[in-house]
Amino acid sequence: MQVAESDNIAVMDGDMQHPPDLLEEMLTRIRNGNDLVIASRYTSGGNPGKLSLTRKLISKSATLMAHVMLRETKIVKDPLSGYFVFRKDVVNGANISPTGYKILLEVLMKGHANKMEEIPYTFRPRFMGSSKLSIWEDLNYIHLILKLAEYRPLKFVIVGVTGVIINVGILGLLHTLGISIPIAGAVSIESSILSNFAVNNAWTFRNKKDGGLISRLLKYNLVTLLGAVINYAALNALVLLSVHYIFADLIGIALGFLANYLGSELFVWSPMGSKKKHEN
């Protein structure tokens, strides 16, 4: 990208799975005013080709992960496409350093494409060579997602651990002062919620602060309540299914944590909307 002399750059595979004859139409649409044109398997008229069920599940799961953790990509139906054309100035000043092959994610997250368009294509059988998909590439993809998401899931886990320490510490302190467990428990839980919110707001989601502080705090309380309900329901349901209560509780905690994170990502600190224009 740095050494390219043209005003426009095309990214595509060299094994003929991406039809070269589509390049002319993509370039025409760039010249008609688009900053980025994506050949899409999942827009109307597109086709992912004859992939195995496992490959289709991996592709759909990876796309869902991108849409959830990188909300800016949600306006694109195929953010993992390896076939696209863009104006070179879209990445001027951007540090494009993808881990693995998902270059489009970097362009979408770090570039300056204000008007983009997806056009359908059919993913063809490979003419020669072999697939690069492997466990290592799966790990590269997860690393790329975490990096572009500024490691929010990992930060959320760390904040959650500090919340547990605060919860237990305040509960123990209030109990030694003679305050009843129901009251001490309520105070300790809300204290951990407030501390988690404050740290997540200042650190985990520091670049996602649309809306007012009080509004985000109320949403966060609602999300954590939902997580607690999911945790409790999973615990009791699994115990009824003869799962050991300790394992049932751990599973419930994991599901509750997942609900809390997704609620925080999609609801509490969700962007109010994208200014980018997108057409199919």
C-alpha atoms as a PDB file:
ATOM      1  CA  MET A   1       0.000   0.000   0.000  1.00  0.00           C
ATOM      2  CA  GLN A   2       2.846   2.382   0.821  1.00  0.00           C
ATOM      3  CA  VAL A   3       4.686   1.865  -2.456  1.00  0.00           C
ATOM      4  CA  ALA A   4       1.613   1.740  -4.718  1.00  0.00           C
ATOM      5  CA  GLU A   5       1.649   4.649  -7.187  1.00  0.00           C
ATOM      6  CA  SER A   6      -2.006   4.451  -8.234  1.00  0.00           C
ATOM      7  CA  ASP A   7      -4.770   6.451  -6.546  1.00  0.00           C
ATOM      8  CA  ASN A   8      -6.696   3.207  -6.023  1.00  0.00           C
ATOM      9  CA  ILE A   9      -5.684  -0.112  -4.465  1.00  0.00           C
ATOM     10  CA  ALA A  10      -7.226  -3.554  -4.993  1.00  0.00           C
ATOM     11  CA  VAL A  11      -6.843  -6.469  -2.597  1.00  0.00           C
ATOM     12  CA  MET A  12      -7.660  -9.978  -3.825  1.00  0.00           C
ATOM     13  CA  ASP A  13      -6.492 -13.590  -3.658  1.00  0.00           C
ATOM     14  CA  GLY A  14      -4.314 -15.020  -6.416  1.00  0.00           C
ATOM     15  CA  ASP A  15      -5.948 -18.450  -6.645  1.00  0.00           C
ATOM     16  CA  MET A  16      -8.897 -17.387  -8.834  1.00  0.00           C
ATOM     17  CA  GLN A  17     -11.475 -17.747  -6.034  1.00  0.00           C
ATOM     18  CA  HIS A  18     -12.020 -14.013  -6.503  1.00  0.00           C
ATOM     19  CA  PRO A  19     -13.222 -13.383 -10.103  1.00  0.00           C
ATOM     20  CA  PRO A  20     -10.824 -10.868 -11.751  1.00  0.00           C
ATOM     21  CA  ASP A  21     -13.492  -9.712 -14.222  1.00  0.00           C
ATOM     22  CA  LEU A  22     -15.290  -7.981 -11.321  1.00  0.00           C
ATOM     23  CA  LEU A  23     -12.382  -5.578 -10.824  1.00  0.00           C
ATOM     24  CA  GLU A  24     -13.478  -3.270 -13.644  1.00  0.00           C
ATOM     25  CA  GLU A  25     -16.931  -2.743 -12.136  1.00  0.00           C
ATOM     26  CA  MET A  26     -15.451  -2.190  -8.666  1.00  0.00           C
ATOM     27  CA  LEU A  27     -13.041   0.420 -10.025  1.00  0.00           C
ATOM     28  CA  THR A  28     -15.897   2.141 -11.892  1.00  0.00           C
ATOM     29  CA  ARG A  29     -17.840   2.430  -8.651  1.00  0.00           C
ATOM     30  CA  ILE A  30     -14.796   3.932  -6.942  1.00  0.00           C
ATOM     31  CA  ARG A  31     -14.587   6.533  -9.730  1.00  0.00           C
ATOM     32  CA  ASN A  32     -18.288   7.220  -9.248  1.00  0.00           C
ATOM     33  CA  GLY A  33     -17.644   8.491  -5.730  1.00  0.00           C
ATOM     34  CA  ASN A  34     -17.161   5.523  -3.395  1.00  0.00           C
ATOM     35  CA  ASP A  35     -14.165   5.407  -1.072  1.00  0.00           C
ATOM     36  CA  LEU A  36     -14.361   1.626  -0.662  1.00  0.00           C
ATOM     37  CA  VAL A  37     -16.047  -1.090  -2.738  1.00  0.00           C
ATOM     38  CA  ILE A  38     -16.302  -4.592  -1.275  1.00  0.00           C
ATOM     39  CA  ALA A  39     -17.019  -7.772  -3.214  1.00  0.00           C
ATOM     40  CA  SER A  40     -19.440  -9.473  -0.835  1.00  0.00           C
ATOM     41  CA  ARG A  41     -20.485 -13.094  -0.427  1.00  0.00           C
ATOM     42  CA  TYR A  42     -23.336 -12.165   1.890  1.00  0.00           C
ATOM     43  CA  THR A  43     -25.062  -9.183   0.305  1.00  0.00           C
ATOM     44  CA  SER A  44     -28.112  -9.792  -1.879  1.00  0.00           C
ATOM     45  CA  GLY A  45     -27.048 -11.850  -4.901  1.00  0.00           C
ATOM     46  CA  GLY A  46     -23.774 -13.002  -3.342  1.00  0.00           C
ATOM     47  CA  ASN A  47     -22.842 -16.612  -2.756  1.00  0.00           C
ATOM     48  CA  PRO A  48     -20.197 -18.096  -0.413  1.00  0.00           C
ATOM     49  CA  GLY A  49     -19.743 -21.006  -2.830  1.00  0.00           C
ATOM     50  CA  LYS A  50     -19.507 -24.688  -2.085  1.00  0.00           C
ATOM     51  CA  LEU A  51     -18.013 -24.517   1.379  1.00  0.00           C
ATOM     52  CA  SER A  52     -18.356 -27.374   3.840  1.00  0.00           C
ATOM     53  CA  LEU A  53     -20.780 -26.948   6.732  1.00  0.00           C
ATOM     54  CA  THR A  54     -17.820 -26.504   9.090  1.00  0.00           C
ATOM     55  CA  ARG A  55     -16.307 -23.751   6.936  1.00  0.00           C
ATOM     56  CA  LYS A  56     -19.678 -21.991   6.702  1.00  0.00           C
ATOM     57  CA  LEU A  57     -20.114 -22.111  10.479  1.00  0.00           C
ATOM     58  CA  ILE A  58     -16.596 -20.756  10.999  1.00  0.00           C
ATOM     59  CA  SER A  59     -17.216 -17.957   8.493  1.00  0.00           C
ATOM     60  CA  LYS A  60     -20.551 -16.948  10.019  1.00  0.00           C
ATOM     61  CA  SER A  61     -19.159 -17.125  13.569  1.00  0.00           C
ATOM     62  CA  ALA A  62     -16.150 -15.007  12.632  1.00  0.00           C
ATOM     63  CA  THR A  63     -18.425 -12.427  10.977  1.00  0.00           C
ATOM     64  CA  LEU A  64     -20.676 -12.325  14.054  1.00  0.00           C
ATOM     65  CA  MET A  65     -17.628 -11.845  16.280  1.00  0.00           C
ATOM     66  CA  ALA A  66     -16.500  -8.893  14.163  1.00  0.00           C
ATOM     67  CA  HIS A  67     -19.970  -7.308  14.198  1.00  0.00           C
ATOM     68  CA  VAL A  68     -20.275  -7.662  17.995  1.00  0.00           C
ATOM     69  CA  MET A  69     -16.791  -6.624  19.072  1.00  0.00           C
ATOM     70  CA  LEU A  70     -16.093  -4.119  16.297  1.00  0.00           C
ATOM     71  CA  ARG A  71     -19.376  -2.261  16.020  1.00  0.00           C
ATOM     72  CA  GLU A  72     -18.026  -0.028  13.248  1.00  0.00           C
ATOM     73  CA  THR A  73     -18.039  -3.057  10.943  1.00  0.00           C
ATOM     74  CA  LYS A  74     -21.719  -3.839  11.445  1.00  0.00           C
ATOM     75  CA  ILE A  75     -22.782  -1.773   8.431  1.00  0.00           C
ATOM     76  CA  VAL A  76     -20.825  -4.196   6.214  1.00  0.00           C
ATOM     77  CA  LYS A  77     -22.378  -7.622   5.612  1.00  0.00           C
ATOM     78  CA  ASP A  78     -19.060  -9.240   4.647  1.00  0.00           C
ATOM     79  CA  PRO A  79     -16.375  -7.506   6.756  1.00  0.00           C
ATOM     80  CA  LEU A  80     -14.054 -10.498   6.267  1.00  0.00           C
ATOM     81  CA  SER A  81     -14.060 -10.287   2.489  1.00  0.00           C
ATOM     82  CA  GLY A  82     -10.605 -10.640   0.987  1.00  0.00           C
ATOM     83  CA  TYR A  83     -11.662  -8.879  -2.240  1.00  0.00           C
ATOM     84  CA  PHE A  84     -12.076  -5.101  -2.248  1.00  0.00           C
ATOM     85  CA  VAL A  85     -10.942  -1.858  -3.879  1.00  0.00           C
ATOM     86  CA  PHE A  86     -10.377   1.449  -2.089  1.00  0.00           C
ATOM     87  CA  ARG A  87      -8.955   4.910  -2.621  1.00  0.00           C
ATOM     88  CA  LYS A  88      -5.365   5.068  -1.424  1.00  0.00           C
ATOM     89  CA  ASP A  89      -6.049   8.202   0.616  1.00  0.00           C
ATOM     90  CA  VAL A  90      -8.483   6.158   2.752  1.00  0.00           C
ATOM     91  CA  VAL A  91      -5.474   4.754   4.632  1.00  0.00           C
ATOM     92  CA  ASN A  92      -3.289   7.866   4.620  1.00  0.00           C
ATOM     93  CA  GLY A  93      -1.832   8.211   8.107  1.00  0.00           C
ATOM     94  CA  ALA A  94      -3.354   4.910   9.249  1.00  0.00           C
ATOM     95  CA  ASN A  95      -1.187   2.209  10.802  1.00  0.00           C
ATOM     96  CA  ILE A  96      -2.392  -0.795   8.795  1.00  0.00           C
ATOM     97  CA  SER A  97      -0.775  -3.829  10.433  1.00  0.00           C
ATOM     98  CA  PRO A  98      -3.117  -6.817  10.206  1.00  0.00           C
ATOM     99  CA  THR A  99      -2.491 -10.075  12.029  1.00  0.00           C
ATOM    100  CA  GLY A 100      -3.270 -12.730   9.425  1.00  0.00           C
ATOM    101  CA  TYR A 101      -5.200 -12.171   6.200  1.00  0.00           C
ATOM    102  CA  LYS A 102      -8.181 -10.031   7.298  1.00  0.00           C
ATOM    103  CA  ILE A 103      -6.902  -6.748   5.862  1.00  0.00           C
ATOM    104  CA  LEU A 104     -10.400  -5.329   5.316  1.00  0.00           C
ATOM    105  CA  LEU A 105     -11.034  -5.199   9.080  1.00  0.00           C
ATOM    106  CA  GLU A 106      -7.997  -2.950   9.475  1.00  0.00           C
ATOM    107  CA  VAL A 107      -9.149  -0.686   6.644  1.00  0.00           C
ATOM    108  CA  LEU A 108     -12.669  -0.448   8.090  1.00  0.00           C
ATOM    109  CA  MET A 109     -11.457   0.281  11.625  1.00  0.00           C
ATOM    110  CA  LYS A 110      -8.461   2.516  10.941  1.00  0.00           C
ATOM    111  CA  GLY A 111      -9.179   3.967   7.519  1.00  0.00           C
ATOM    112  CA  HIS A 112     -11.282   6.963   6.506  1.00  0.00           C
ATOM    113  CA  ALA A 113     -13.833   5.457   4.125  1.00  0.00           C
ATOM    114  CA  ASN A 114     -16.964   7.597   4.450  1.00  0.00           C
ATOM    115  CA  LYS A 115     -18.846   6.167   1.478  1.00  0.00           C
ATOM    116  CA  MET A 116     -18.703   2.454   0.761  1.00  0.00           C
ATOM    117  CA  GLU A 117     -20.606  -0.092  -1.265  1.00  0.00           C
ATOM    118  CA  GLU A 118     -20.913  -3.882  -1.365  1.00  0.00           C
ATOM    119  CA  ILE A 119     -21.496  -5.694  -4.630  1.00  0.00           C
ATOM    120  CA  PRO A 120     -22.305  -9.413  -4.846  1.00  0.00           C
ATOM    121  CA  TYR A 121     -20.005 -12.111  -6.145  1.00  0.00           C
ATOM    122  CA  THR A 122     -19.779 -15.896  -6.003  1.00  0.00           C
ATOM    123  CA  PHE A 123     -16.806 -17.348  -4.172  1.00  0.00           C
ATOM    124  CA  ARG A 124     -15.299 -19.756  -6.705  1.00  0.00           C
ATOM    125  CA  PRO A 125     -13.535 -23.103  -6.179  1.00  0.00           C
ATOM    126  CA  ARG A 126      -9.760 -22.707  -5.853  1.00  0.00           C
ATOM    127  CA  PHE A 127      -7.908 -22.930  -9.195  1.00  0.00           C
ATOM    128  CA  MET A 128      -4.653 -24.018  -7.554  1.00  0.00           C
ATOM    129  CA  GLY A 129      -2.894 -23.974  -4.200  1.00  0.00           C
ATOM    130  CA  SER A 130      -4.363 -24.917  -0.833  1.00  0.00           C
ATOM    131  CA  SER A 131      -6.354 -23.198   1.890  1.00  0.00           C
ATOM    132  CA  LYS A 132      -4.437 -21.118   4.445  1.00  0.00           C
ATOM    133  CA  LEU A 133      -7.141 -21.722   7.061  1.00  0.00           C
ATOM    134  CA  SER A 134      -5.611 -23.389  10.128  1.00  0.00           C
ATOM    135  CA  ILE A 135      -5.725 -23.279  13.906  1.00  0.00           C
ATOM    136  CA  TRP A 136      -2.875 -20.773  13.735  1.00  0.00           C
ATOM    137  CA  GLU A 137      -4.890 -18.503  11.435  1.00  0.00           C
ATOM    138  CA  ASP A 138      -7.909 -18.841  13.744  1.00  0.00           C
ATOM    139  CA  LEU A 139      -5.709 -17.637  16.612  1.00  0.00           C
ATOM    140  CA  ASN A 140      -4.371 -14.818  14.417  1.00  0.00           C
ATOM    141  CA  TYR A 141      -7.955 -13.751  13.744  1.00  0.00           C
ATOM    142  CA  ILE A 142      -8.866 -13.736  17.441  1.00  0.00           C
ATOM    143  CA  HIS A 143      -5.712 -11.738  18.160  1.00  0.00           C
ATOM    144  CA  LEU A 144      -6.616  -9.242  15.414  1.00  0.00           C
ATOM    145  CA  ILE A 145     -10.160  -8.837  16.760  1.00  0.00           C
ATOM    146  CA  LEU A 146      -8.866  -8.278  20.299  1.00  0.00           C
ATOM    147  CA  LYS A 147      -6.268  -5.791  19.065  1.00  0.00           C
ATOM    148  CA  LEU A 148      -8.785  -3.784  17.041  1.00  0.00           C
ATOM    149  CA  ALA A 149     -11.212  -3.925  19.996  1.00  0.00           C
ATOM    150  CA  GLU A 150      -8.427  -2.471  22.182  1.00  0.00           C
ATOM    151  CA  TYR A 151      -8.508  -5.698  24.225  1.00  0.00           C
ATOM    152  CA  ARG A 152     -11.854  -4.764  25.787  1.00  0.00           C
ATOM    153  CA  PRO A 153     -12.891  -8.373  26.663  1.00  0.00           C
ATOM    154  CA  LEU A 154      -9.635  -8.945  28.578  1.00  0.00           C
ATOM    155  CA  LYS A 155      -9.951  -5.600  30.340  1.00  0.00           C
ATOM    156  CA  PHE A 156     -13.553  -6.464  31.227  1.00  0.00           C
ATOM    157  CA  VAL A 157     -12.354  -9.699  32.893  1.00  0.00           C
ATOM    158  CA  ILE A 158      -9.719  -7.832  34.917  1.00  0.00           C
ATOM    159  CA  VAL A 159     -12.272  -5.261  36.062  1.00  0.00           C
ATOM    160  CA  GLY A 160     -14.656  -8.086  36.978  1.00  0.00           C
ATOM    161  CA  VAL A 161     -12.023  -9.676  39.223  1.00  0.00           C
ATOM    162  CA  THR A 162     -11.444  -6.380  41.036  1.00  0.00           C
ATOM    163  CA  GLY A 163     -15.219  -6.122  41.467  1.00  0.00           C
ATOM    164  CA  VAL A 164     -15.306  -9.518  43.181  1.00  0.00           C
ATOM    165  CA  ILE A 165     -12.551  -8.399  45.582  1.00  0.00           C
ATOM    166  CA  ILE A 166     -14.439  -5.191  46.392  1.00  0.00           C
ATOM    167  CA  ASN A 167     -17.704  -7.094  46.833  1.00  0.00           C
ATOM    168  CA  VAL A 168     -16.225  -9.639  49.255  1.00  0.00           C
ATOM    169  CA  GLY A 169     -14.186  -7.016  51.115  1.00  0.00           C
ATOM    170  CA  ILE A 170     -17.124  -4.680  51.750  1.00  0.00           C
ATOM    171  CA  LEU A 171     -19.399  -7.592  52.664  1.00  0.00           C
ATOM    172  CA  GLY A 172     -16.894  -8.831  55.248  1.00  0.00           C
ATOM    173  CA  LEU A 173     -16.298  -5.345  56.647  1.00  0.00           C
ATOM    174  CA  LEU A 174     -19.985  -4.521  57.046  1.00  0.00           C
ATOM    175  CA  HIS A 175     -20.705  -7.923  58.586  1.00  0.00           C
ATOM    176  CA  THR A 176     -17.984  -7.435  61.222  1.00  0.00           C
ATOM    177  CA  LEU A 177     -19.590  -4.075  62.030  1.00  0.00           C
ATOM    178  CA  GLY A 178     -22.792  -5.892  62.907  1.00  0.00           C
ATOM    179  CA  ILE A 179     -24.783  -5.064  59.774  1.00  0.00           C
ATOM    180  CA  SER A 180     -27.148  -7.820  58.680  1.00  0.00           C
ATOM    181  CA  ILE A 181     -26.184  -9.979  55.702  1.00  0.00           C
ATOM    182  CA  PRO A 182     -29.167  -8.895  53.511  1.00  0.00           C
ATOM    183  CA  ILE A 183     -28.261  -5.219  53.895  1.00  0.00           C
ATOM    184  CA  ALA A 184     -24.509  -5.789  53.772  1.00  0.00           C
ATOM    185  CA  GLY A 185     -24.936  -7.973  50.699  1.00  0.00           C
ATOM    186  CA  ALA A 186     -26.994  -5.370  48.860  1.00  0.00           C
ATOM    187  CA  VAL A 187     -24.486  -2.612  49.676  1.00  0.00           C
ATOM    188  CA  SER A 188     -21.485  -4.741  48.682  1.00  0.00           C
ATOM    189  CA  ILE A 189     -23.072  -5.808  45.389  1.00  0.00           C
ATOM    190  CA  GLU A 190     -23.991  -2.264  44.387  1.00  0.00           C
ATOM    191  CA  SER A 191     -20.556  -1.038  45.468  1.00  0.00           C
ATOM    192  CA  SER A 192     -18.883  -3.561  43.158  1.00  0.00           C
ATOM    193  CA  ILE A 193     -21.255  -2.577  40.345  1.00  0.00           C
ATOM    194  CA  LEU A 194     -20.379   1.099  40.812  1.00  0.00           C
ATOM    195  CA  SER A 195     -16.644   0.390  40.962  1.00  0.00           C
ATOM    196  CA  ASN A 196     -16.821  -1.851  37.880  1.00  0.00           C
ATOM    197  CA  PHE A 197     -18.769   0.797  36.009  1.00  0.00           C
ATOM    198  CA  ALA A 198     -16.298   3.542  36.941  1.00  0.00           C
ATOM    199  CA  VAL A 199     -13.239   1.539  35.831  1.00  0.00           C
ATOM    200  CA  ASN A 200     -14.913   0.202  32.670  1.00  0.00           C
ATOM    201  CA  ASN A 201     -16.053   3.710  31.775  1.00  0.00           C
ATOM    202  CA  ALA A 202     -12.576   5.172  32.299  1.00  0.00           C
ATOM    203  CA  TRP A 203     -10.520   2.277  30.919  1.00  0.00           C
ATOM    204  CA  THR A 204     -12.288  -0.574  29.114  1.00  0.00           C
ATOM    205  CA  PHE A 205     -14.676   1.566  27.047  1.00  0.00           C
ATOM    206  CA  ARG A 206     -12.818   4.869  27.276  1.00  0.00           C
ATOM    207  CA  ASN A 207     -13.274   5.586  23.553  1.00  0.00           C
ATOM    208  CA  LYS A 208     -16.989   4.707  23.513  1.00  0.00           C
ATOM    209  CA  LYS A 209     -18.719   7.344  25.578  1.00  0.00           C
ATOM    210  CA  ASP A 210     -21.823   8.319  23.633  1.00  0.00           C
ATOM    211  CA  GLY A 211     -24.673   9.516  25.841  1.00  0.00           C
ATOM    212  CA  GLY A 212     -24.645  10.815  29.408  1.00  0.00           C
ATOM    213  CA  LEU A 213     -22.840   9.314  32.397  1.00  0.00           C
ATOM    214  CA  ILE A 214     -26.022   8.729  34.407  1.00  0.00           C
ATOM    215  CA  SER A 215     -27.693   7.069  31.440  1.00  0.00           C
ATOM    216  CA  ARG A 216     -24.761   4.678  31.035  1.00  0.00           C
ATOM    217  CA  LEU A 217     -24.761   3.922  34.762  1.00  0.00           C
ATOM    218  CA  LEU A 218     -28.472   3.041  34.757  1.00  0.00           C
ATOM    219  CA  LYS A 219     -27.982   0.844  31.683  1.00  0.00           C
ATOM    220  CA  TYR A 220     -25.043  -0.888  33.347  1.00  0.00           C
ATOM    221  CA  ASN A 221     -27.121  -1.684  36.442  1.00  0.00           C
ATOM    222  CA  LEU A 222     -29.801  -3.142  34.175  1.00  0.00           C
ATOM    223  CA  VAL A 223     -27.247  -5.252  32.295  1.00  0.00           C
ATOM    224  CA  THR A 224     -25.655  -6.621  35.480  1.00  0.00           C
ATOM    225  CA  LEU A 225     -29.114  -7.491  36.798  1.00  0.00           C
ATOM    226  CA  LEU A 226     -29.772  -9.478  33.637  1.00  0.00           C
ATOM    227  CA  GLY A 227     -26.395 -11.207  34.026  1.00  0.00           C
ATOM    228  CA  ALA A 228     -27.240 -12.129  37.619  1.00  0.00           C
ATOM    229  CA  VAL A 229     -30.605 -13.568  36.542  1.00  0.00           C
ATOM    230  CA  ILE A 230     -28.904 -15.654  33.814  1.00  0.00           C
ATOM    231  CA  ASN A 231     -26.302 -16.851  36.314  1.00  0.00           C
ATOM    232  CA  TYR A 232     -28.980 -17.852  38.850  1.00  0.00           C
ATOM    233  CA  ALA A 233     -31.223 -19.512  36.265  1.00  0.00           C
ATOM    234  CA  ALA A 234     -28.353 -21.519  34.764  1.00  0.00           C
ATOM    235  CA  LEU A 235     -27.196 -22.649  38.214  1.00  0.00           C
ATOM    236  CA  ASN A 236     -30.629 -23.968  39.211  1.00  0.00           C
ATOM    237  CA  ALA A 237     -31.380 -25.521  35.820  1.00  0.00           C
ATOM    238  CA  LEU A 238     -28.077 -27.411  35.718  1.00  0.00           C
ATOM    239  CA  VAL A 239     -28.451 -28.642  39.296  1.00  0.00           C
ATOM    240  CA  LEU A 240     -31.860 -30.047  38.331  1.00  0.00           C
ATOM    241  CA  LEU A 241     -30.068 -31.862  35.507  1.00  0.00           C
ATOM    242  CA  SER A 242     -27.795 -33.491  38.134  1.00  0.00           C
ATOM    243  CA  VAL A 243     -24.753 -31.311  37.371  1.00  0.00           C
ATOM    244  CA  HIS A 244     -22.586 -30.810  40.477  1.00  0.00           C
ATOM    245  CA  TYR A 245     -23.493 -27.485  42.057  1.00  0.00           C
ATOM    246  CA  ILE A 246     -19.927 -26.129  41.907  1.00  0.00           C
ATOM    247  CA  PHE A 247     -19.640 -26.804  38.176  1.00  0.00           C
ATOM    248  CA  ALA A 248     -23.183 -25.515  37.684  1.00  0.00           C
ATOM    249  CA  ASP A 249     -22.273 -22.294  39.462  1.00  0.00           C
ATOM    250  CA  LEU A 250     -19.101 -21.848  37.375  1.00  0.00           C
ATOM    251  CA  ILE A 251     -21.080 -22.323  34.164  1.00  0.00           C
ATOM    252  CA  GLY A 252     -23.687 -19.856  35.430  1.00  0.00           C
ATOM    253  CA  ILE A 253     -20.958 -17.334  36.248  1.00  0.00           C
ATOM    254  CA  ALA A 254     -19.474 -17.734  32.756  1.00  0.00           C
ATOM    255  CA  LEU A 255     -22.875 -17.226  31.097  1.00  0.00           C
ATOM    256  CA  GLY A 256     -23.611 -14.262  33.352  1.00  0.00           C
ATOM    257  CA  PHE A 257     -20.231 -12.733  32.515  1.00  0.00           C
ATOM    258  CA  LEU A 258     -20.873 -13.215  28.785  1.00  0.00           C
ATOM    259  CA  ALA A 259     -24.276 -11.520  29.140  1.00  0.00           C
ATOM    260  CA  ASN A 260     -22.674  -8.644  31.066  1.00  0.00           C
ATOM    261  CA  TYR A 261     -19.968  -8.142  28.449  1.00  0.00           C
ATOM    262  CA  LEU A 262     -22.298  -8.313  25.458  1.00  0.00           C
ATOM    263  CA  GLY A 263     -24.759  -6.004  27.197  1.00  0.00           C
ATOM    264  CA  SER A 264     -21.960  -3.541  27.920  1.00  0.00           C
ATOM    265  CA  GLU A 265     -20.601  -3.717  24.372  1.00  0.00           C
ATOM    266  CA  LEU A 266     -23.931  -3.584  22.560  1.00  0.00           C
ATOM    267  CA  PHE A 267     -26.086  -1.536  24.933  1.00  0.00           C
ATOM    268  CA  VAL A 268     -24.257   0.445  27.616  1.00  0.00           C
ATOM    269  CA  TRP A 269     -21.299   1.743  25.611  1.00  0.00           C
ATOM    270  CA  SER A 270     -22.672   1.156  22.127  1.00  0.00           C
ATOM    271  CA  PRO A 271     -22.028   3.895  19.527  1.00  0.00           C
ATOM    272  CA  MET A 272     -25.153   5.908  18.791  1.00  0.00           C
ATOM    273  CA  GLY A 273     -24.702   5.397  15.059  1.00  0.00           C
ATOM    274  CA  SER A 274     -22.241   5.541  12.205  1.00  0.00           C
ATOM    275  CA  LYS A 275     -21.711   8.598  10.035  1.00  0.00           C
ATOM    276  CA  LYS A 276     -20.431   6.412   7.216  1.00  0.00           C
ATOM    277  CA  LYS A 277     -22.663   5.949   4.215  1.00  0.00           C
ATOM    278  CA  HIS A 278     -23.143   2.403   2.995  1.00  0.00           C
ATOM    279  CA  GLU A 279     -24.967   1.020  -0.004  1.00  0.00           C
ATOM    280  CA  ASN A 280     -25.675  -2.513  -1.182  1.00  0.00           C
END
